[in-house]
Amino acid sequence: MSHQVDVAGFHTEATRLLALQVPPQDVHWSAAPAQSVDEEPLETARAAIRNRAARAIIPQSFIRMSELVVLHRDPERFDLLYRTLWRLIYEPELKNDFADKDMAHLRQMAQSVRRDIQKMKTKLVFRQLTVKGESVPVAQYEPVHFIAEAVGGWLAGRAPDGWILLTPDRSLRWNGEHLLSAPAVAPPPAPQLTWDDSQLAAILEALPWV
């Protein structure tokens, strides 16, 4: 999964930081792959117990909201999420404060992602293309947020025979059993609105699916 939308990775790291009582101002979040921590003495039994204790007090409503906010394109989303999570732990009444700016901002971001997912689901248009001798439905879409995997998982359950989805963030292919990933495919240069069939077929032939 893309590091841009690594929901599980954020939850794991946020829980670890909470267990260590690391305040938000001491954390710099990045969507880049994490550095090796093999020499960092954190994965001990004691650290694991602290992690479980920290996880137990995270409100479920925050977890559900964060699953959407992580998909938002705002580069400051991880900082906002952890700052708000820290405050929720030490200010439990915050979850009911609808006037709080951080909470309001997170709700707006989650709603924006939710709308983008719904829009993408209804706007996708597939066309049949021959890729390496196989006829495959192919769609191109440019989402507002990092929602390709979310929509791809939904689509796999509704179009089980296979398809290819291309976005400027990443490419996805459902082969009927596995959801495969490949690099992004940018839209064609203006004024061309979409790649023609021969151009797109050549692009698809070159994609390294994993």
N, C-alpha and C. Protein backbone atom coordinates (compact mmCIF):
# COMPACT_ATOMS: atom_id res chain seq x y z
N MET A 1 0.84 -1.19 0.00
CA MET A 1 0.00 0.00 0.00
C MET A 1 0.88 1.25 0.00
N SER A 2 0.36 2.27 -0.67
CA SER A 2 1.11 3.53 -0.71
C SER A 2 1.33 4.08 0.69
N HIS A 3 2.53 4.63 0.93
CA HIS A 3 2.79 5.26 2.23
C HIS A 3 1.92 6.49 2.43
N GLN A 4 1.43 7.07 1.31
CA GLN A 4 0.55 8.24 1.43
C GLN A 4 -0.74 7.89 2.17
N VAL A 5 -1.18 6.64 2.06
CA VAL A 5 -2.47 6.26 2.64
C VAL A 5 -2.33 5.08 3.60
N ASP A 6 -1.20 5.00 4.28
CA ASP A 6 -0.94 3.88 5.18
C ASP A 6 -1.66 4.10 6.51
N VAL A 7 -2.95 3.75 6.52
CA VAL A 7 -3.76 3.96 7.72
C VAL A 7 -3.22 3.15 8.88
N ALA A 8 -2.95 1.87 8.63
CA ALA A 8 -2.45 1.00 9.69
C ALA A 8 -1.10 1.51 10.20
N GLY A 9 -0.27 1.99 9.29
CA GLY A 9 1.03 2.52 9.70
C GLY A 9 0.90 3.72 10.60
N PHE A 10 -0.05 4.62 10.26
CA PHE A 10 -0.26 5.79 11.12
C PHE A 10 -0.74 5.36 12.49
N HIS A 11 -1.72 4.46 12.54
CA HIS A 11 -2.26 4.02 13.83
C HIS A 11 -1.18 3.37 14.69
N THR A 12 -0.35 2.54 14.06
CA THR A 12 0.71 1.86 14.81
C THR A 12 1.71 2.86 15.37
N GLU A 13 2.15 3.80 14.53
CA GLU A 13 3.15 4.76 14.98
C GLU A 13 2.56 5.73 16.01
N ALA A 14 1.32 6.16 15.80
CA ALA A 14 0.69 7.08 16.76
C ALA A 14 0.53 6.40 18.12
N THR A 15 0.15 5.12 18.10
CA THR A 15 0.01 4.38 19.36
C THR A 15 1.36 4.25 20.06
N ARG A 16 2.40 3.99 19.28
CA ARG A 16 3.73 3.86 19.86
C ARG A 16 4.17 5.17 20.51
N LEU A 17 3.93 6.28 19.81
CA LEU A 17 4.32 7.58 20.34
C LEU A 17 3.53 7.95 21.58
N LEU A 18 2.24 7.61 21.58
CA LEU A 18 1.42 7.86 22.77
C LEU A 18 1.94 7.07 23.96
N ALA A 19 2.30 5.81 23.71
CA ALA A 19 2.80 4.97 24.79
C ALA A 19 4.09 5.53 25.37
N LEU A 20 4.86 6.19 24.53
CA LEU A 20 6.11 6.80 25.00
C LEU A 20 5.92 8.22 25.49
N GLN A 21 4.65 8.71 25.41
CA GLN A 21 4.30 10.06 25.87
C GLN A 21 5.11 11.13 25.13
N VAL A 22 5.19 10.96 23.80
CA VAL A 22 5.88 11.93 22.96
C VAL A 22 4.87 13.00 22.52
N PRO A 23 5.05 14.24 22.91
CA PRO A 23 4.07 15.29 22.58
C PRO A 23 4.10 15.63 21.08
N PRO A 24 2.99 16.15 20.56
CA PRO A 24 2.91 16.45 19.12
C PRO A 24 4.00 17.36 18.60
N GLN A 25 4.43 18.34 19.39
CA GLN A 25 5.43 19.29 18.91
C GLN A 25 6.80 18.65 18.72
N ASP A 26 6.99 17.44 19.24
CA ASP A 26 8.27 16.73 19.08
C ASP A 26 8.25 15.71 17.95
N VAL A 27 7.16 15.68 17.18
CA VAL A 27 7.01 14.68 16.12
C VAL A 27 6.96 15.35 14.77
N HIS A 28 7.72 14.82 13.82
CA HIS A 28 7.65 15.27 12.43
C HIS A 28 7.13 14.11 11.60
N TRP A 29 5.94 14.28 11.02
CA TRP A 29 5.33 13.21 10.24
C TRP A 29 5.71 13.33 8.77
N SER A 30 5.89 12.19 8.13
CA SER A 30 6.23 12.15 6.72
C SER A 30 5.55 10.95 6.09
N ALA A 31 5.15 11.09 4.81
CA ALA A 31 4.56 9.97 4.08
C ALA A 31 5.62 9.10 3.43
N ALA A 32 6.90 9.45 3.61
CA ALA A 32 7.98 8.65 3.03
C ALA A 32 8.13 7.35 3.81
N PRO A 33 8.73 6.31 3.18
CA PRO A 33 8.96 5.05 3.89
C PRO A 33 9.76 5.27 5.17
N ALA A 34 9.41 4.54 6.20
CA ALA A 34 10.06 4.70 7.50
C ALA A 34 11.50 4.20 7.45
N GLN A 35 12.33 4.81 8.28
CA GLN A 35 13.70 4.35 8.42
C GLN A 35 13.73 3.10 9.30
N SER A 36 14.78 2.31 9.16
CA SER A 36 14.93 1.12 9.97
C SER A 36 15.08 1.50 11.44
N VAL A 37 14.39 0.75 12.30
CA VAL A 37 14.50 1.00 13.74
C VAL A 37 14.99 -0.27 14.44
N ASP A 38 15.76 -1.10 13.73
CA ASP A 38 16.21 -2.37 14.29
C ASP A 38 16.99 -2.17 15.58
N GLU A 39 17.73 -1.06 15.68
CA GLU A 39 18.57 -0.85 16.85
C GLU A 39 17.84 -0.06 17.94
N GLU A 40 16.60 0.34 17.65
CA GLU A 40 15.85 1.14 18.62
C GLU A 40 15.16 0.20 19.61
N PRO A 41 15.43 0.33 20.90
CA PRO A 41 14.92 -0.64 21.88
C PRO A 41 13.47 -0.39 22.25
N LEU A 42 12.57 -0.43 21.25
CA LEU A 42 11.17 -0.14 21.52
C LEU A 42 10.31 -1.39 21.47
N GLU A 43 10.71 -2.37 20.69
CA GLU A 43 9.87 -3.56 20.51
C GLU A 43 10.16 -4.60 21.58
N THR A 44 10.07 -4.20 22.79
CA THR A 44 10.23 -5.10 23.92
C THR A 44 8.85 -5.44 24.46
N ALA A 45 8.79 -6.43 25.34
CA ALA A 45 7.49 -6.79 25.93
C ALA A 45 6.88 -5.60 26.66
N ARG A 46 7.71 -4.82 27.34
CA ARG A 46 7.19 -3.66 28.08
C ARG A 46 6.59 -2.63 27.12
N ALA A 47 7.29 -2.38 25.99
CA ALA A 47 6.77 -1.43 25.00
C ALA A 47 5.47 -1.94 24.41
N ALA A 48 5.38 -3.23 24.15
CA ALA A 48 4.16 -3.81 23.58
C ALA A 48 2.99 -3.63 24.53
N ILE A 49 3.23 -3.80 25.83
CA ILE A 49 2.17 -3.60 26.82
C ILE A 49 1.71 -2.15 26.83
N ARG A 50 2.68 -1.22 26.80
CA ARG A 50 2.32 0.20 26.77
C ARG A 50 1.51 0.52 25.52
N ASN A 51 1.89 -0.07 24.38
CA ASN A 51 1.16 0.17 23.13
C ASN A 51 -0.29 -0.29 23.26
N ARG A 52 -0.49 -1.46 23.81
CA ARG A 52 -1.86 -1.97 23.96
C ARG A 52 -2.67 -1.07 24.89
N ALA A 53 -2.03 -0.59 25.94
CA ALA A 53 -2.73 0.30 26.88
C ALA A 53 -3.11 1.61 26.20
N ALA A 54 -2.19 2.15 25.39
CA ALA A 54 -2.49 3.40 24.69
C ALA A 54 -3.61 3.21 23.68
N ARG A 55 -3.56 2.07 22.97
CA ARG A 55 -4.57 1.81 21.95
C ARG A 55 -5.96 1.67 22.56
N ALA A 56 -6.01 1.13 23.77
CA ALA A 56 -7.30 0.87 24.41
C ALA A 56 -8.06 2.14 24.74
N ILE A 57 -7.35 3.26 24.89
CA ILE A 57 -8.04 4.49 25.28
C ILE A 57 -8.28 5.43 24.10
N ILE A 58 -7.95 5.00 22.88
CA ILE A 58 -8.24 5.81 21.69
C ILE A 58 -9.71 5.67 21.33
N PRO A 59 -10.46 6.75 21.25
CA PRO A 59 -11.89 6.66 20.91
C PRO A 59 -12.10 6.01 19.55
N GLN A 60 -13.06 5.09 19.47
CA GLN A 60 -13.36 4.42 18.21
C GLN A 60 -13.82 5.42 17.15
N SER A 61 -14.50 6.47 17.58
CA SER A 61 -14.96 7.48 16.62
C SER A 61 -13.78 8.16 15.94
N PHE A 62 -12.70 8.36 16.71
CA PHE A 62 -11.50 8.97 16.13
C PHE A 62 -10.85 8.02 15.14
N ILE A 63 -10.79 6.74 15.47
CA ILE A 63 -10.19 5.76 14.57
C ILE A 63 -10.94 5.73 13.24
N ARG A 64 -12.26 5.71 13.30
CA ARG A 64 -13.06 5.69 12.06
C ARG A 64 -12.83 6.95 11.25
N MET A 65 -12.78 8.10 11.90
CA MET A 65 -12.56 9.35 11.19
C MET A 65 -11.16 9.40 10.59
N SER A 66 -10.18 8.91 11.33
CA SER A 66 -8.80 8.96 10.84
C SER A 66 -8.62 8.10 9.60
N GLU A 67 -9.38 7.02 9.47
CA GLU A 67 -9.29 6.17 8.28
C GLU A 67 -9.64 6.94 7.01
N LEU A 68 -10.49 7.94 7.13
CA LEU A 68 -10.82 8.81 6.00
C LEU A 68 -9.82 9.95 5.87
N VAL A 69 -9.45 10.57 6.99
CA VAL A 69 -8.57 11.74 6.94
C VAL A 69 -7.20 11.39 6.37
N VAL A 70 -6.71 10.19 6.64
CA VAL A 70 -5.41 9.77 6.09
C VAL A 70 -5.43 9.80 4.57
N LEU A 71 -6.59 9.64 3.96
CA LEU A 71 -6.71 9.65 2.50
C LEU A 71 -6.75 11.06 1.92
N HIS A 72 -6.86 12.06 2.77
CA HIS A 72 -6.92 13.45 2.32
C HIS A 72 -5.57 13.87 1.76
N ARG A 73 -5.60 14.82 0.83
CA ARG A 73 -4.35 15.23 0.17
C ARG A 73 -3.60 16.32 0.94
N ASP A 74 -4.15 16.81 2.01
CA ASP A 74 -3.47 17.83 2.80
C ASP A 74 -2.19 17.24 3.41
N PRO A 75 -1.01 17.80 3.12
CA PRO A 75 0.23 17.24 3.65
C PRO A 75 0.37 17.36 5.17
N GLU A 76 -0.46 18.19 5.80
CA GLU A 76 -0.39 18.36 7.25
C GLU A 76 -1.35 17.44 7.99
N ARG A 77 -1.98 16.49 7.28
CA ARG A 77 -3.04 15.69 7.90
C ARG A 77 -2.53 14.83 9.06
N PHE A 78 -1.33 14.26 8.93
CA PHE A 78 -0.80 13.41 10.00
C PHE A 78 -0.51 14.22 11.26
N ASP A 79 0.03 15.43 11.08
CA ASP A 79 0.29 16.29 12.23
C ASP A 79 -1.01 16.65 12.95
N LEU A 80 -2.02 17.00 12.16
CA LEU A 80 -3.31 17.35 12.75
C LEU A 80 -3.93 16.16 13.46
N LEU A 81 -3.86 14.98 12.85
CA LEU A 81 -4.42 13.79 13.46
C LEU A 81 -3.74 13.47 14.79
N TYR A 82 -2.42 13.51 14.81
CA TYR A 82 -1.73 13.15 16.06
C TYR A 82 -1.94 14.21 17.13
N ARG A 83 -1.92 15.48 16.73
CA ARG A 83 -2.16 16.55 17.71
C ARG A 83 -3.55 16.40 18.34
N THR A 84 -4.54 16.09 17.51
CA THR A 84 -5.89 15.94 18.02
C THR A 84 -6.02 14.69 18.87
N LEU A 85 -5.37 13.61 18.43
CA LEU A 85 -5.39 12.38 19.22
C LEU A 85 -4.77 12.60 20.59
N TRP A 86 -3.65 13.30 20.62
CA TRP A 86 -3.00 13.62 21.90
C TRP A 86 -3.96 14.39 22.80
N ARG A 87 -4.63 15.36 22.22
CA ARG A 87 -5.57 16.16 23.00
C ARG A 87 -6.74 15.32 23.48
N LEU A 88 -7.23 14.40 22.65
CA LEU A 88 -8.35 13.54 23.05
C LEU A 88 -7.98 12.66 24.24
N ILE A 89 -6.73 12.22 24.27
CA ILE A 89 -6.30 11.37 25.38
C ILE A 89 -6.28 12.17 26.69
N TYR A 90 -5.81 13.41 26.61
CA TYR A 90 -5.65 14.22 27.82
C TYR A 90 -6.84 15.16 28.07
N GLU A 91 -7.69 15.29 27.05
CA GLU A 91 -8.92 16.09 27.20
C GLU A 91 -10.09 15.27 26.66
N PRO A 92 -10.53 14.24 27.37
CA PRO A 92 -11.56 13.33 26.85
C PRO A 92 -12.84 14.03 26.41
N GLU A 93 -13.17 15.15 27.03
CA GLU A 93 -14.40 15.87 26.69
C GLU A 93 -14.32 16.51 25.31
N LEU A 94 -13.13 16.53 24.72
CA LEU A 94 -12.94 17.17 23.42
C LEU A 94 -13.79 16.53 22.34
N LYS A 95 -14.03 15.21 22.43
CA LYS A 95 -14.78 14.52 21.37
C LYS A 95 -16.21 15.04 21.24
N ASN A 96 -16.71 15.72 22.27
CA ASN A 96 -18.06 16.28 22.22
C ASN A 96 -18.06 17.78 21.98
N ASP A 97 -16.88 18.35 21.73
CA ASP A 97 -16.76 19.79 21.53
C ASP A 97 -16.81 20.09 20.02
N PHE A 98 -17.98 20.45 19.52
CA PHE A 98 -18.14 20.68 18.09
C PHE A 98 -17.63 22.06 17.67
N ALA A 99 -17.23 22.87 18.62
CA ALA A 99 -16.68 24.19 18.30
C ALA A 99 -15.16 24.16 18.19
N ASP A 100 -14.54 23.05 18.59
CA ASP A 100 -13.08 22.97 18.55
C ASP A 100 -12.58 22.99 17.11
N LYS A 101 -11.58 23.83 16.84
CA LYS A 101 -11.10 24.02 15.47
C LYS A 101 -10.45 22.76 14.90
N ASP A 102 -9.64 22.07 15.70
CA ASP A 102 -9.00 20.86 15.19
C ASP A 102 -10.02 19.78 14.87
N MET A 103 -10.96 19.55 15.76
CA MET A 103 -11.98 18.54 15.52
C MET A 103 -12.85 18.90 14.32
N ALA A 104 -13.19 20.20 14.22
CA ALA A 104 -14.01 20.64 13.08
C ALA A 104 -13.26 20.44 11.76
N HIS A 105 -11.97 20.76 11.79
CA HIS A 105 -11.16 20.59 10.58
C HIS A 105 -11.09 19.12 10.18
N LEU A 106 -10.90 18.23 11.13
CA LEU A 106 -10.85 16.80 10.82
C LEU A 106 -12.18 16.31 10.26
N ARG A 107 -13.28 16.77 10.82
CA ARG A 107 -14.59 16.35 10.32
C ARG A 107 -14.79 16.82 8.88
N GLN A 108 -14.36 18.06 8.60
CA GLN A 108 -14.47 18.58 7.23
C GLN A 108 -13.63 17.77 6.26
N MET A 109 -12.41 17.41 6.68
CA MET A 109 -11.53 16.62 5.82
C MET A 109 -12.12 15.24 5.56
N ALA A 110 -12.65 14.61 6.61
CA ALA A 110 -13.27 13.29 6.44
C ALA A 110 -14.45 13.37 5.48
N GLN A 111 -15.26 14.41 5.60
CA GLN A 111 -16.42 14.57 4.73
C GLN A 111 -15.98 14.80 3.28
N SER A 112 -14.91 15.56 3.09
CA SER A 112 -14.40 15.81 1.74
C SER A 112 -13.94 14.50 1.09
N VAL A 113 -13.26 13.66 1.85
CA VAL A 113 -12.81 12.36 1.33
C VAL A 113 -14.02 11.48 1.03
N ARG A 114 -15.00 11.48 1.93
CA ARG A 114 -16.19 10.67 1.74
C ARG A 114 -16.92 11.07 0.44
N ARG A 115 -17.03 12.36 0.20
CA ARG A 115 -17.67 12.84 -1.03
C ARG A 115 -16.87 12.43 -2.26
N ASP A 116 -15.55 12.52 -2.16
CA ASP A 116 -14.70 12.17 -3.30
C ASP A 116 -14.82 10.68 -3.64
N ILE A 117 -14.88 9.84 -2.62
CA ILE A 117 -15.06 8.41 -2.85
C ILE A 117 -16.38 8.14 -3.54
N GLN A 118 -17.44 8.76 -3.06
CA GLN A 118 -18.76 8.55 -3.66
C GLN A 118 -18.79 9.05 -5.10
N LYS A 119 -18.16 10.18 -5.35
CA LYS A 119 -18.12 10.73 -6.71
C LYS A 119 -17.37 9.80 -7.65
N MET A 120 -16.23 9.29 -7.19
CA MET A 120 -15.44 8.40 -8.04
C MET A 120 -16.21 7.13 -8.36
N LYS A 121 -16.91 6.60 -7.38
CA LYS A 121 -17.70 5.38 -7.60
C LYS A 121 -18.75 5.58 -8.69
N THR A 122 -19.33 6.76 -8.73
CA THR A 122 -20.41 7.01 -9.70
C THR A 122 -19.91 7.52 -11.05
N LYS A 123 -18.68 8.03 -11.10
CA LYS A 123 -18.17 8.63 -12.33
C LYS A 123 -17.26 7.71 -13.16
N LEU A 124 -16.85 6.58 -12.60
CA LEU A 124 -15.95 5.70 -13.34
C LEU A 124 -16.60 5.18 -14.62
N VAL A 125 -15.87 5.27 -15.72
CA VAL A 125 -16.33 4.76 -17.02
C VAL A 125 -15.26 3.82 -17.56
N PHE A 126 -15.63 2.57 -17.82
CA PHE A 126 -14.69 1.58 -18.31
C PHE A 126 -14.85 1.39 -19.82
N ARG A 127 -13.73 1.11 -20.48
CA ARG A 127 -13.77 0.74 -21.89
C ARG A 127 -12.91 -0.50 -22.08
N GLN A 128 -13.32 -1.35 -23.01
CA GLN A 128 -12.62 -2.60 -23.25
C GLN A 128 -11.37 -2.34 -24.09
N LEU A 129 -10.22 -2.81 -23.59
CA LEU A 129 -8.97 -2.71 -24.33
C LEU A 129 -8.29 -4.07 -24.32
N THR A 130 -7.51 -4.33 -25.36
CA THR A 130 -6.76 -5.57 -25.43
C THR A 130 -5.36 -5.34 -24.87
N VAL A 131 -5.05 -6.06 -23.79
CA VAL A 131 -3.76 -5.93 -23.13
C VAL A 131 -3.10 -7.30 -23.12
N LYS A 132 -2.00 -7.43 -23.87
CA LYS A 132 -1.29 -8.71 -23.99
C LYS A 132 -2.24 -9.83 -24.39
N GLY A 133 -3.07 -9.52 -25.37
CA GLY A 133 -3.98 -10.51 -25.92
C GLY A 133 -5.24 -10.76 -25.13
N GLU A 134 -5.41 -10.03 -24.03
CA GLU A 134 -6.58 -10.22 -23.17
C GLU A 134 -7.44 -8.96 -23.18
N SER A 135 -8.75 -9.14 -23.34
CA SER A 135 -9.68 -8.01 -23.31
C SER A 135 -10.00 -7.67 -21.86
N VAL A 136 -9.68 -6.41 -21.47
CA VAL A 136 -9.82 -5.99 -20.08
C VAL A 136 -10.56 -4.65 -20.01
N PRO A 137 -11.53 -4.48 -19.09
CA PRO A 137 -12.14 -3.17 -18.88
C PRO A 137 -11.12 -2.23 -18.21
N VAL A 138 -10.98 -1.03 -18.77
CA VAL A 138 -9.99 -0.07 -18.26
C VAL A 138 -10.68 1.26 -18.01
N ALA A 139 -10.38 1.88 -16.87
CA ALA A 139 -10.91 3.20 -16.55
C ALA A 139 -9.78 4.11 -16.10
N GLN A 140 -9.90 5.38 -16.46
CA GLN A 140 -8.98 6.42 -15.98
C GLN A 140 -9.76 7.42 -15.15
N TYR A 141 -9.15 7.87 -14.05
CA TYR A 141 -9.83 8.84 -13.19
C TYR A 141 -8.80 9.65 -12.43
N GLU A 142 -9.12 10.92 -12.17
CA GLU A 142 -8.24 11.79 -11.42
C GLU A 142 -8.95 12.23 -10.14
N PRO A 143 -8.77 11.50 -9.04
CA PRO A 143 -9.47 11.86 -7.80
C PRO A 143 -8.86 13.08 -7.14
N VAL A 144 -9.63 13.69 -6.27
CA VAL A 144 -9.14 14.83 -5.52
C VAL A 144 -8.17 14.36 -4.43
N HIS A 145 -8.48 13.23 -3.80
CA HIS A 145 -7.69 12.73 -2.68
C HIS A 145 -7.09 11.36 -3.03
N PHE A 146 -6.37 10.77 -2.07
CA PHE A 146 -5.70 9.50 -2.28
C PHE A 146 -6.68 8.34 -2.04
N ILE A 147 -7.64 8.19 -2.92
CA ILE A 147 -8.72 7.24 -2.67
C ILE A 147 -8.70 6.04 -3.62
N ALA A 148 -7.66 5.90 -4.44
CA ALA A 148 -7.65 4.83 -5.44
C ALA A 148 -7.80 3.45 -4.80
N GLU A 149 -7.03 3.17 -3.73
CA GLU A 149 -7.12 1.86 -3.09
C GLU A 149 -8.48 1.63 -2.45
N ALA A 150 -9.03 2.67 -1.84
CA ALA A 150 -10.34 2.53 -1.20
C ALA A 150 -11.41 2.17 -2.22
N VAL A 151 -11.40 2.85 -3.36
CA VAL A 151 -12.38 2.57 -4.40
C VAL A 151 -12.05 1.23 -5.08
N GLY A 152 -10.76 0.94 -5.23
CA GLY A 152 -10.37 -0.33 -5.83
C GLY A 152 -10.86 -1.52 -5.03
N GLY A 153 -10.75 -1.44 -3.70
CA GLY A 153 -11.25 -2.52 -2.86
C GLY A 153 -12.76 -2.69 -2.99
N TRP A 154 -13.46 -1.58 -3.06
CA TRP A 154 -14.92 -1.61 -3.25
C TRP A 154 -15.26 -2.21 -4.61
N LEU A 155 -14.54 -1.80 -5.64
CA LEU A 155 -14.82 -2.24 -7.00
C LEU A 155 -14.55 -3.72 -7.18
N ALA A 156 -13.55 -4.24 -6.48
CA ALA A 156 -13.21 -5.67 -6.61
C ALA A 156 -14.39 -6.56 -6.23
N GLY A 157 -15.20 -6.11 -5.29
CA GLY A 157 -16.34 -6.90 -4.87
C GLY A 157 -17.54 -6.75 -5.77
N ARG A 158 -17.51 -5.80 -6.70
CA ARG A 158 -18.66 -5.54 -7.57
C ARG A 158 -18.36 -5.81 -9.04
N ALA A 159 -17.11 -5.95 -9.39
CA ALA A 159 -16.73 -6.31 -10.76
C ALA A 159 -15.69 -7.42 -10.65
N PRO A 160 -16.14 -8.64 -10.28
CA PRO A 160 -15.20 -9.70 -9.89
C PRO A 160 -14.38 -10.30 -11.03
N ASP A 161 -14.73 -10.03 -12.27
CA ASP A 161 -14.04 -10.70 -13.38
C ASP A 161 -12.73 -10.03 -13.79
N GLY A 162 -12.42 -8.88 -13.25
CA GLY A 162 -11.16 -8.23 -13.57
C GLY A 162 -11.33 -6.88 -14.24
N TRP A 163 -10.42 -5.96 -13.94
CA TRP A 163 -10.44 -4.61 -14.50
C TRP A 163 -9.11 -3.94 -14.21
N ILE A 164 -8.89 -2.78 -14.84
CA ILE A 164 -7.71 -1.94 -14.58
C ILE A 164 -8.18 -0.53 -14.31
N LEU A 165 -7.65 0.07 -13.26
CA LEU A 165 -7.98 1.45 -12.89
C LEU A 165 -6.70 2.27 -12.86
N LEU A 166 -6.67 3.35 -13.63
CA LEU A 166 -5.49 4.20 -13.73
C LEU A 166 -5.78 5.56 -13.12
N THR A 167 -4.88 6.02 -12.23
CA THR A 167 -5.00 7.36 -11.66
C THR A 167 -3.62 8.01 -11.65
N PRO A 168 -3.54 9.33 -11.47
CA PRO A 168 -2.24 10.00 -11.37
C PRO A 168 -1.48 9.67 -10.08
N ASP A 169 -2.11 8.91 -9.17
CA ASP A 169 -1.44 8.51 -7.93
C ASP A 169 -0.87 7.11 -8.02
N ARG A 170 -1.63 6.19 -8.63
CA ARG A 170 -1.18 4.81 -8.77
C ARG A 170 -2.13 4.08 -9.72
N SER A 171 -1.71 2.91 -10.17
CA SER A 171 -2.56 2.09 -11.03
C SER A 171 -2.92 0.81 -10.27
N LEU A 172 -4.13 0.34 -10.49
CA LEU A 172 -4.60 -0.87 -9.82
C LEU A 172 -5.18 -1.83 -10.85
N ARG A 173 -4.96 -3.12 -10.61
CA ARG A 173 -5.52 -4.15 -11.48
C ARG A 173 -6.09 -5.27 -10.63
N TRP A 174 -7.36 -5.59 -10.88
CA TRP A 174 -8.00 -6.71 -10.22
C TRP A 174 -8.05 -7.86 -11.21
N ASN A 175 -7.41 -8.98 -10.86
CA ASN A 175 -7.35 -10.12 -11.77
C ASN A 175 -8.36 -11.21 -11.42
N GLY A 176 -9.30 -10.87 -10.54
CA GLY A 176 -10.30 -11.83 -10.11
C GLY A 176 -9.96 -12.49 -8.79
N GLU A 177 -8.67 -12.38 -8.39
CA GLU A 177 -8.23 -12.98 -7.14
C GLU A 177 -7.42 -12.02 -6.27
N HIS A 178 -6.60 -11.19 -6.93
CA HIS A 178 -5.69 -10.31 -6.20
C HIS A 178 -5.78 -8.89 -6.76
N LEU A 179 -5.60 -7.91 -5.88
CA LEU A 179 -5.53 -6.51 -6.29
C LEU A 179 -4.06 -6.15 -6.46
N LEU A 180 -3.65 -5.95 -7.71
CA LEU A 180 -2.26 -5.67 -8.03
C LEU A 180 -2.04 -4.18 -8.18
N SER A 181 -0.80 -3.75 -7.99
CA SER A 181 -0.47 -2.33 -8.03
C SER A 181 0.63 -2.06 -9.04
N ALA A 182 0.62 -0.87 -9.60
CA ALA A 182 1.64 -0.42 -10.53
C ALA A 182 1.78 1.09 -10.40
N PRO A 183 2.84 1.67 -10.98
CA PRO A 183 3.02 3.13 -10.88
C PRO A 183 1.85 3.91 -11.48
N ALA A 184 1.81 5.18 -11.14
CA ALA A 184 0.76 6.08 -11.63
C ALA A 184 0.82 6.24 -13.14
N VAL A 185 -0.33 6.58 -13.70
CA VAL A 185 -0.41 6.94 -15.12
C VAL A 185 -1.00 8.35 -15.20
N ALA A 186 -0.21 9.29 -15.65
CA ALA A 186 -0.65 10.68 -15.73
C ALA A 186 -1.66 10.85 -16.86
N PRO A 187 -2.57 11.82 -16.75
CA PRO A 187 -3.48 12.11 -17.86
C PRO A 187 -2.70 12.64 -19.05
N PRO A 188 -3.25 12.56 -20.25
CA PRO A 188 -2.53 13.04 -21.44
C PRO A 188 -2.37 14.56 -21.39
N PRO A 189 -1.41 15.09 -22.12
CA PRO A 189 -1.23 16.54 -22.14
C PRO A 189 -2.40 17.24 -22.80
N ALA A 190 -2.73 18.44 -22.33
CA ALA A 190 -3.80 19.23 -22.93
C ALA A 190 -3.43 19.56 -24.39
N PRO A 191 -4.41 19.65 -25.28
CA PRO A 191 -5.86 19.63 -25.02
C PRO A 191 -6.47 18.24 -25.07
N GLN A 192 -5.66 17.19 -25.23
CA GLN A 192 -6.19 15.84 -25.29
C GLN A 192 -6.80 15.47 -23.94
N LEU A 193 -8.04 15.01 -23.94
CA LEU A 193 -8.75 14.73 -22.70
C LEU A 193 -8.45 13.33 -22.16
N THR A 194 -8.17 12.40 -23.06
CA THR A 194 -7.89 11.04 -22.64
C THR A 194 -6.95 10.39 -23.64
N TRP A 195 -6.21 9.38 -23.18
CA TRP A 195 -5.36 8.64 -24.09
C TRP A 195 -6.23 7.87 -25.07
N ASP A 196 -5.82 7.84 -26.37
CA ASP A 196 -6.60 7.01 -27.29
C ASP A 196 -6.26 5.54 -27.04
N ASP A 197 -7.00 4.64 -27.68
CA ASP A 197 -6.88 3.22 -27.37
C ASP A 197 -5.47 2.69 -27.61
N SER A 198 -4.83 3.09 -28.70
CA SER A 198 -3.49 2.58 -29.02
C SER A 198 -2.46 3.10 -28.02
N GLN A 199 -2.57 4.38 -27.64
CA GLN A 199 -1.65 4.94 -26.64
C GLN A 199 -1.82 4.24 -25.30
N LEU A 200 -3.08 4.07 -24.90
CA LEU A 200 -3.35 3.47 -23.60
C LEU A 200 -2.92 2.01 -23.56
N ALA A 201 -3.13 1.29 -24.65
CA ALA A 201 -2.71 -0.10 -24.71
C ALA A 201 -1.21 -0.22 -24.54
N ALA A 202 -0.46 0.70 -25.17
CA ALA A 202 1.01 0.69 -25.04
C ALA A 202 1.43 0.98 -23.60
N ILE A 203 0.75 1.92 -22.95
CA ILE A 203 1.04 2.24 -21.55
C ILE A 203 0.79 1.02 -20.66
N LEU A 204 -0.33 0.37 -20.90
CA LEU A 204 -0.70 -0.78 -20.07
C LEU A 204 0.26 -1.95 -20.26
N GLU A 205 0.73 -2.13 -21.47
CA GLU A 205 1.68 -3.21 -21.75
C GLU A 205 2.97 -3.03 -20.93
N ALA A 206 3.33 -1.79 -20.66
CA ALA A 206 4.61 -1.51 -20.00
C ALA A 206 4.51 -1.47 -18.47
N LEU A 207 3.31 -1.48 -17.92
CA LEU A 207 3.18 -1.35 -16.47
C LEU A 207 3.64 -2.63 -15.75
N PRO A 208 4.49 -2.46 -14.73
CA PRO A 208 4.96 -3.64 -13.96
C PRO A 208 4.02 -3.93 -12.79
N TRP A 209 3.11 -4.87 -12.96
CA TRP A 209 2.13 -5.16 -11.92
C TRP A 209 2.74 -6.04 -10.84
N VAL A 210 2.52 -5.68 -9.60
CA VAL A 210 3.01 -6.46 -8.47
C VAL A 210 1.89 -6.58 -7.43
